[in-house]
Protein backbone atom coordinates (compact mmCIF):
# COMPACT_ATOMS: atom_id res chain seq x y z
CA MET A 1 1.94 23.26 -7.41
CA ALA A 2 0.17 19.92 -7.67
CA LYS A 3 -3.43 19.73 -6.49
CA VAL A 4 -5.40 16.71 -5.34
CA ILE A 5 -8.51 16.08 -7.43
CA ASN A 6 -11.47 13.82 -6.62
CA GLY A 7 -10.25 13.62 -3.04
CA CYS A 8 -12.05 14.33 0.23
CA ALA A 9 -11.35 16.55 3.18
CA VAL A 10 -9.94 14.87 6.29
CA PRO A 11 -9.89 17.73 8.80
CA ASN A 12 -8.89 15.38 11.63
CA LEU A 13 -5.94 13.94 9.67
CA PRO A 14 -3.23 12.69 12.06
CA TRP A 15 -0.43 15.19 11.66
CA GLU A 16 2.84 16.50 13.03
CA ASP A 17 4.63 19.53 11.56
CA LYS A 18 7.96 19.09 9.81
CA PRO A 19 10.88 19.32 12.27
CA ALA A 20 13.04 22.41 12.08
CA GLY A 21 15.95 21.90 9.70
CA CYS A 22 14.41 18.90 7.93
CA ALA A 23 15.05 19.15 4.18
CA ASP A 24 13.38 15.88 3.20
CA ALA A 25 10.06 15.57 1.36
CA ILE A 26 8.64 13.39 4.15
CA TRP A 27 9.41 13.01 7.85
CA ARG A 28 8.70 10.45 10.56
CA PHE A 29 6.24 10.78 13.42
CA SER A 30 8.14 11.48 16.63
CA GLY A 31 5.94 8.94 18.44
CA ASN A 32 6.85 6.00 16.18
CA PRO A 33 6.17 3.16 16.26
CA ILE A 34 2.45 3.53 16.86
CA ILE A 35 1.93 -0.26 17.17
CA GLY A 36 4.57 -2.42 18.83
CA TRP A 37 5.13 -6.03 19.85
CA ASN A 38 2.20 -8.16 21.12
CA PRO A 39 -0.55 -5.59 20.48
CA THR A 40 -3.41 -8.08 21.08
CA PRO A 41 -3.49 -11.40 22.97
CA HIS A 42 -3.25 -13.47 19.77
CA SER A 43 -1.03 -11.05 17.79
CA ALA A 44 2.73 -11.11 18.01
CA ARG A 45 3.16 -8.30 15.48
CA ILE A 46 0.93 -5.97 13.45
CA PHE A 47 2.42 -4.21 10.41
CA ASN A 48 1.94 -3.64 6.63
CA SER A 49 -1.65 -2.52 7.16
CA ALA A 50 -4.32 -0.31 5.55
CA VAL A 51 -6.34 2.55 7.05
CA ILE A 52 -9.10 4.85 5.79
CA PRO A 53 -11.34 7.66 7.11
CA TYR A 54 -14.57 6.22 8.50
CA GLY A 55 -17.32 7.96 10.44
CA GLU A 56 -15.85 10.52 12.80
CA GLY A 57 -12.53 8.69 12.96
CA PHE A 58 -10.70 5.97 11.07
CA ALA A 59 -11.01 2.29 10.26
CA GLY A 60 -8.28 -0.16 9.34
CA VAL A 61 -7.59 -3.66 8.06
CA PHE A 62 -4.42 -4.86 9.73
CA ARG A 63 -1.95 -7.62 9.03
CA SER A 64 -1.52 -9.63 12.21
CA ASP A 65 1.13 -12.32 12.52
CA HIS A 66 -0.23 -14.56 15.26
CA LYS A 67 1.79 -16.23 17.95
CA ASP A 68 1.37 -19.56 16.17
CA VAL A 69 3.21 -17.88 13.22
CA THR A 70 0.17 -17.67 10.94
CA MET A 71 -0.89 -14.50 9.10
CA HIS A 72 -4.38 -13.02 9.24
CA LEU A 73 -6.34 -9.80 8.70
CA HIS A 74 -7.90 -8.00 11.67
CA PHE A 75 -10.25 -5.03 11.83
CA GLY A 76 -9.37 -1.95 13.89
CA ARG A 77 -10.77 1.45 14.82
CA SER A 78 -9.23 4.74 15.88
CA LYS A 79 -10.43 8.21 16.82
CA ASP A 80 -7.14 9.95 16.03
CA GLY A 81 -5.25 7.67 13.58
CA PHE A 82 -2.47 7.03 16.10
CA ASN A 83 -4.10 4.98 18.85
CA TRP A 84 -5.84 1.86 17.55
CA ASP A 85 -8.32 -0.57 19.05
CA ILE A 86 -7.72 -3.75 17.04
CA ASP A 87 -9.91 -6.85 17.26
CA ASP A 88 -8.07 -9.79 18.75
CA ARG A 89 -9.60 -12.28 16.30
CA GLU A 90 -9.26 -12.25 12.54
CA ILE A 91 -11.89 -11.11 10.07
CA ARG A 92 -14.26 -13.91 9.06
CA TRP A 93 -15.05 -13.76 5.36
CA GLN A 94 -18.10 -15.05 3.53
CA ASP A 95 -18.62 -15.65 -0.17
CA GLU A 96 -21.33 -13.91 -2.17
CA ASN A 97 -23.81 -16.61 -1.10
CA GLY A 98 -23.13 -16.05 2.59
CA GLN A 99 -21.00 -19.17 3.12
CA ASP A 100 -17.71 -19.11 5.02
CA PHE A 101 -14.83 -18.18 2.70
CA THR A 102 -12.06 -17.22 5.12
CA PRO A 103 -8.58 -17.61 3.56
CA HIS A 104 -5.98 -19.90 5.12
CA PHE A 105 -3.54 -17.01 5.24
CA ALA A 106 -3.83 -13.32 4.45
CA TYR A 107 -1.37 -10.45 4.66
CA ASP A 108 -0.33 -6.98 3.43
CA PRO A 109 -3.83 -5.52 2.86
CA ARG A 110 -4.79 -2.39 0.95
CA LEU A 111 -8.10 -0.58 1.29
CA THR A 112 -9.92 1.56 -1.30
CA LYS A 113 -13.30 3.28 -1.17
CA ILE A 114 -15.26 3.55 -4.43
CA ASP A 115 -18.73 5.06 -4.11
CA ASP A 116 -20.27 3.48 -0.96
CA THR A 117 -18.12 0.33 -0.97
CA TYR A 118 -14.80 -0.38 0.75
CA TYR A 119 -12.71 -2.77 -1.36
CA ILE A 120 -9.98 -4.78 0.32
CA MET A 121 -7.00 -6.37 -1.42
CA TRP A 122 -4.44 -8.64 0.20
CA CYS A 123 -2.03 -11.49 -0.47
CA SER A 124 -4.22 -14.57 -0.13
CA SER A 125 -4.07 -18.33 -0.31
CA PHE A 126 -5.06 -20.13 -3.53
CA ALA A 127 -4.43 -23.89 -3.21
CA GLY A 128 -1.79 -22.96 -0.65
CA GLN A 129 -0.02 -20.55 -3.02
CA PRO A 130 0.07 -16.74 -2.82
CA THR A 131 -2.15 -14.67 -5.07
CA ILE A 132 -4.23 -11.51 -4.79
CA GLY A 133 -7.36 -11.70 -2.66
CA LEU A 134 -10.23 -9.30 -3.27
CA GLY A 135 -13.22 -8.52 -1.12
CA MET A 136 -15.51 -5.78 0.07
CA THR A 137 -17.49 -4.40 2.97
CA LYS A 138 -19.94 -1.58 3.38
CA ASP A 139 -19.94 -1.39 7.17
CA PHE A 140 -16.79 -3.20 8.43
CA LYS A 141 -19.06 -5.76 10.04
CA THR A 142 -19.82 -8.11 7.13
CA PHE A 143 -16.87 -8.92 4.86
CA THR A 144 -17.52 -10.54 1.46
CA ARG A 145 -14.66 -12.23 -0.36
CA PHE A 146 -14.77 -12.54 -4.16
CA GLU A 147 -13.47 -15.42 -6.23
CA ASN A 148 -9.71 -15.30 -6.85
CA ALA A 149 -8.90 -12.60 -9.39
CA PHE A 150 -5.55 -14.04 -10.53
CA LEU A 151 -3.72 -17.34 -10.65
CA PRO A 152 -0.70 -17.82 -8.38
CA PHE A 153 1.75 -16.27 -8.00
CA ASN A 154 1.00 -12.60 -7.38
CA ARG A 155 1.25 -10.00 -4.61
CA ASN A 156 0.84 -6.28 -3.90
CA GLY A 157 -2.61 -5.82 -5.39
CA VAL A 158 -3.56 -2.13 -5.23
CA LEU A 159 -6.86 -0.83 -6.61
CA PHE A 160 -7.20 2.70 -8.03
CA PRO A 161 -9.82 4.81 -6.21
CA ARG A 162 -12.10 5.23 -9.22
CA LYS A 163 -12.82 3.60 -12.56
CA ILE A 164 -10.59 4.66 -15.45
CA ASN A 165 -12.07 4.57 -18.94
CA GLY A 166 -15.05 2.69 -17.51
CA ASN A 167 -13.08 -0.11 -15.80
CA PHE A 168 -11.72 -0.92 -12.37
CA VAL A 169 -7.91 -0.79 -12.48
CA LEU A 170 -5.50 -2.77 -10.30
CA LEU A 171 -1.72 -2.74 -9.86
CA SER A 172 0.09 -5.97 -8.99
CA ARG A 173 3.48 -7.65 -8.91
CA PRO A 174 3.74 -11.19 -10.32
CA SER A 175 6.01 -13.20 -8.07
CA ASP A 176 6.94 -16.73 -7.02
CA ASN A 177 6.19 -18.93 -4.01
CA GLY A 178 9.08 -17.74 -1.88
CA HIS A 179 10.76 -14.53 -0.83
CA THR A 180 10.65 -13.36 -4.45
CA PRO A 181 14.06 -12.16 -5.73
CA PHE A 182 12.50 -10.32 -8.70
CA GLY A 183 9.44 -8.28 -9.56
CA ASP A 184 8.06 -5.46 -11.73
CA ILE A 185 4.77 -3.57 -11.41
CA TYR A 186 1.92 -4.45 -13.80
CA ILE A 187 -1.60 -3.12 -14.30
CA SER A 188 -4.87 -4.92 -15.11
CA GLU A 189 -8.45 -3.85 -15.84
CA SER A 190 -11.88 -5.30 -15.06
CA PRO A 191 -15.45 -4.27 -15.88
CA ASP A 192 -16.88 -6.04 -12.82
CA MET A 193 -14.12 -6.89 -10.27
CA LYS A 194 -14.36 -10.54 -11.39
CA TYR A 195 -12.75 -10.85 -14.82
CA TRP A 196 -9.39 -9.17 -15.26
CA GLY A 197 -7.47 -8.50 -18.47
CA LYS A 198 -5.85 -5.84 -20.66
CA HIS A 199 -2.65 -6.42 -18.69
CA ARG A 200 0.10 -3.85 -19.13
CA HIS A 201 3.63 -3.47 -17.82
CA VAL A 202 4.13 -0.31 -15.75
CA MET A 203 7.62 -0.20 -14.22
CA SER A 204 10.72 -2.37 -14.04
CA VAL A 205 13.47 -2.49 -11.48
CA ASN A 206 16.35 -0.27 -12.51
CA ASN A 207 20.01 0.30 -11.76
CA MET A 208 19.35 2.69 -8.88
CA GLY A 209 20.58 0.95 -5.75
CA TRP A 210 17.44 0.97 -3.58
CA GLN A 211 15.21 -0.63 -6.25
CA THR A 212 17.47 -3.01 -8.15
CA LEU A 213 15.93 -6.32 -6.99
CA LYS A 214 12.14 -5.81 -7.05
CA ILE A 215 9.47 -3.15 -6.75
CA GLY A 216 5.80 -3.18 -5.77
CA ALA A 217 2.90 -0.76 -5.48
CA GLY A 218 2.30 0.65 -2.02
CA PRO A 219 -0.71 2.74 -0.96
CA VAL A 220 -3.71 3.50 -3.18
CA PRO A 221 -2.64 6.02 -5.88
CA ILE A 222 -3.65 9.65 -5.27
CA GLU A 223 -5.22 11.55 -8.17
CA THR A 224 -3.58 14.92 -8.82
CA ASP A 225 -3.71 17.42 -11.66
CA GLU A 226 -0.21 16.24 -12.66
CA GLY A 227 -0.94 12.50 -12.70
CA TRP A 228 -1.56 9.62 -10.34
CA LEU A 229 0.87 9.88 -7.43
CA LEU A 230 2.08 6.36 -6.63
CA ILE A 231 4.18 5.62 -3.57
CA TYR A 232 5.90 2.26 -4.09
CA HIS A 233 8.49 0.11 -2.38
CA GLY A 234 11.82 -0.95 -3.82
CA VAL A 235 14.24 -3.61 -2.66
CA LEU A 236 17.98 -4.11 -2.90
CA ARG A 237 20.01 -7.14 -1.87
CA SER A 238 22.73 -6.16 0.59
CA CYS A 239 25.44 -8.23 2.21
CA SER A 240 23.11 -8.85 5.16
CA GLY A 241 19.87 -9.42 3.24
CA TYR A 242 17.04 -7.51 1.57
CA VAL A 243 16.54 -3.80 2.28
CA TYR A 244 13.09 -2.25 1.67
CA SER A 245 12.75 1.49 1.04
CA PHE A 246 10.05 3.53 -0.65
CA GLY A 247 9.91 6.13 -3.38
CA SER A 248 7.36 7.74 -5.67
CA ALA A 249 6.20 7.95 -9.28
CA LEU A 250 3.68 9.89 -11.36
CA LEU A 251 1.48 7.90 -13.75
CA ASP A 252 -0.60 9.26 -16.62
CA ILE A 253 -4.19 9.99 -15.54
CA ASP A 254 -5.90 8.31 -18.50
CA GLU A 255 -3.26 5.67 -19.29
CA PRO A 256 -1.73 4.78 -15.91
CA SER A 257 0.57 2.18 -17.48
CA ARG A 258 2.59 5.21 -18.66
CA VAL A 259 5.17 6.44 -16.16
CA LEU A 260 5.71 10.19 -16.38
CA TYR A 261 8.26 10.59 -13.59
CA ARG A 262 9.91 8.29 -11.07
CA SER A 263 12.10 9.20 -8.11
CA ALA A 264 15.74 8.25 -8.47
CA ALA A 265 16.36 8.57 -4.73
CA TYR A 266 14.18 7.00 -2.07
CA LEU A 267 11.69 8.94 0.05
CA LEU A 268 12.26 6.83 3.15
CA HIS A 269 14.96 4.26 3.95
CA PRO A 270 15.50 2.09 7.04
CA GLU A 271 17.42 4.23 9.51
CA LYS A 272 15.64 4.23 12.88
CA PRO A 273 16.01 1.32 15.33
CA TYR A 274 12.40 0.18 14.77
CA GLU A 275 13.17 0.01 11.01
CA THR A 276 16.59 -1.65 11.19
CA ALA A 277 15.95 -4.19 13.96
CA GLY A 278 13.03 -6.56 14.36
CA PHE A 279 11.62 -9.83 13.03
CA VAL A 280 12.84 -8.91 9.52
CA PRO A 281 15.35 -6.05 9.78
CA ASN A 282 15.82 -3.17 7.34
CA VAL A 283 12.23 -2.82 6.10
CA CYS A 284 10.10 0.25 5.38
CA PHE A 285 6.98 -1.01 3.59
CA PRO A 286 4.22 1.54 2.80
CA CYS A 287 0.63 0.28 2.56
CA ALA A 288 -1.70 3.24 3.16
CA THR A 289 -2.05 7.01 3.09
CA LEU A 290 -4.59 9.36 4.60
CA CYS A 291 -4.87 12.47 2.43
CA ASP A 292 -6.58 15.75 3.21
CA ALA A 293 -7.39 16.92 -0.31
CA PRO A 294 -7.78 20.68 0.38
CA THR A 295 -4.33 20.98 1.97
CA GLY A 296 -2.55 18.05 0.30
CA ARG A 297 -1.34 16.81 3.68
CA LEU A 298 -0.48 13.11 3.86
CA ALA A 299 -0.09 10.62 6.68
CA ILE A 300 1.74 7.58 5.29
CA TYR A 301 1.37 4.29 7.19
CA TYR A 302 4.19 1.79 6.78
CA GLY A 303 5.40 -1.46 8.22
CA ALA A 304 8.80 -1.37 9.90
CA SER A 305 11.00 -4.49 10.18
CA ASP A 306 7.93 -6.75 9.77
CA THR A 307 7.30 -5.92 13.43
CA TYR A 308 5.93 -2.41 13.91
CA THR A 309 3.45 0.02 12.39
CA ALA A 310 4.84 3.52 11.86
CA VAL A 311 3.71 6.81 10.32
CA ALA A 312 5.44 9.42 8.18
CA PHE A 313 4.13 12.79 6.99
CA GLY A 314 4.43 14.94 3.91
CA THR A 315 2.41 16.86 1.37
CA VAL A 316 1.28 15.91 -2.11
CA GLN A 317 2.77 19.15 -3.39
CA ASP A 318 6.24 18.45 -2.01
CA ILE A 319 6.27 14.77 -3.01
CA VAL A 320 5.15 15.54 -6.59
CA ALA A 321 7.80 18.26 -6.86
CA TYR A 322 10.44 15.91 -5.42
CA THR A 323 9.46 13.16 -7.86
CA LYS A 324 9.76 15.47 -10.86
CA GLU A 325 12.95 17.19 -9.76
CA ASN A 326 14.70 13.90 -8.88
CA SER A 327 13.28 11.67 -11.60
CA VAL A 328 15.25 8.78 -13.04
CA THR A 329 14.06 10.11 -16.37
CA SER A 330 11.00 11.69 -17.87
CA GLU A 331 9.22 8.74 -19.45
CA LYS A 332 6.45 10.58 -21.30
CA ASP A 333 7.29 8.77 -24.54
CA GLN A 334 7.07 5.30 -22.95
CA SER A 335 4.83 2.83 -24.76
CA LEU A 336 1.63 1.57 -23.13
CA GLY A 337 3.41 -1.51 -21.81
CA ARG A 338 1.92 -4.02 -24.25
CA ASP A 339 5.20 -5.57 -25.37
């Protein structure tokens, strides 16, 4: 069975046991959604957000779509991972010289801890166009934004939780300026979080229905003794619009541009009313996991219908086994994505 390596214990992990008779690798929290409409005075909806253990509880960076229909990042706190106290006003960013550097828009954050620093990635504004924003905090009080890492257009920046071969490593999905009707997952490296290169292709869309239009990295990859466990979203175009589901893949530990296994069937698909009806219906969009390394238990946070925040549960062991047993193909002989 797969084991988590280089992970930490989260004894207070939010958790609910698998329902009797459930044969799926993951299952939904019976109290979903955990964040609904109008959660703060300025916020119409909070979804597609990132959480992490912090202190005796949890901290989060949340996507808030304001009532003036602008998108911003807010900070939140929780004792149990289910009930969140989210600041009503957006995070104010400064540059490395202490000057205001707050983006015009910001959405779909991810959050990674490396050593004593919490790195934040999001879709940001660069001359009014979407690209990957990068920043950091050490205390969730002062937030420092770095210079733009990539040119437009790019989304779904996800940083690995440690350096690989001496470099920071980031997944992304090059895109366009609209509701992108295409997209593969790529990987890039940096010695200093400023200059990015050694770009490699990781995964393409394929002919499996739920991921035929575009794919994108989801939560921060989890390091296991069988590879990096990546939960990612896939999109199909249906008669009534886009449908977002999520699945899983295993990437090589030392060369994560190599895909070892990739789930042919989805892990989670829009089925519940909070996933099929809302501001943008038929969306399950994973952005964060909490993982208790000793047990392999996972709490997966996902956006539902661009309206709600929801949680699903599973174990690393079951998801790795599911990924291998239901793989599109074993891709151990794949090239390193340079072509």
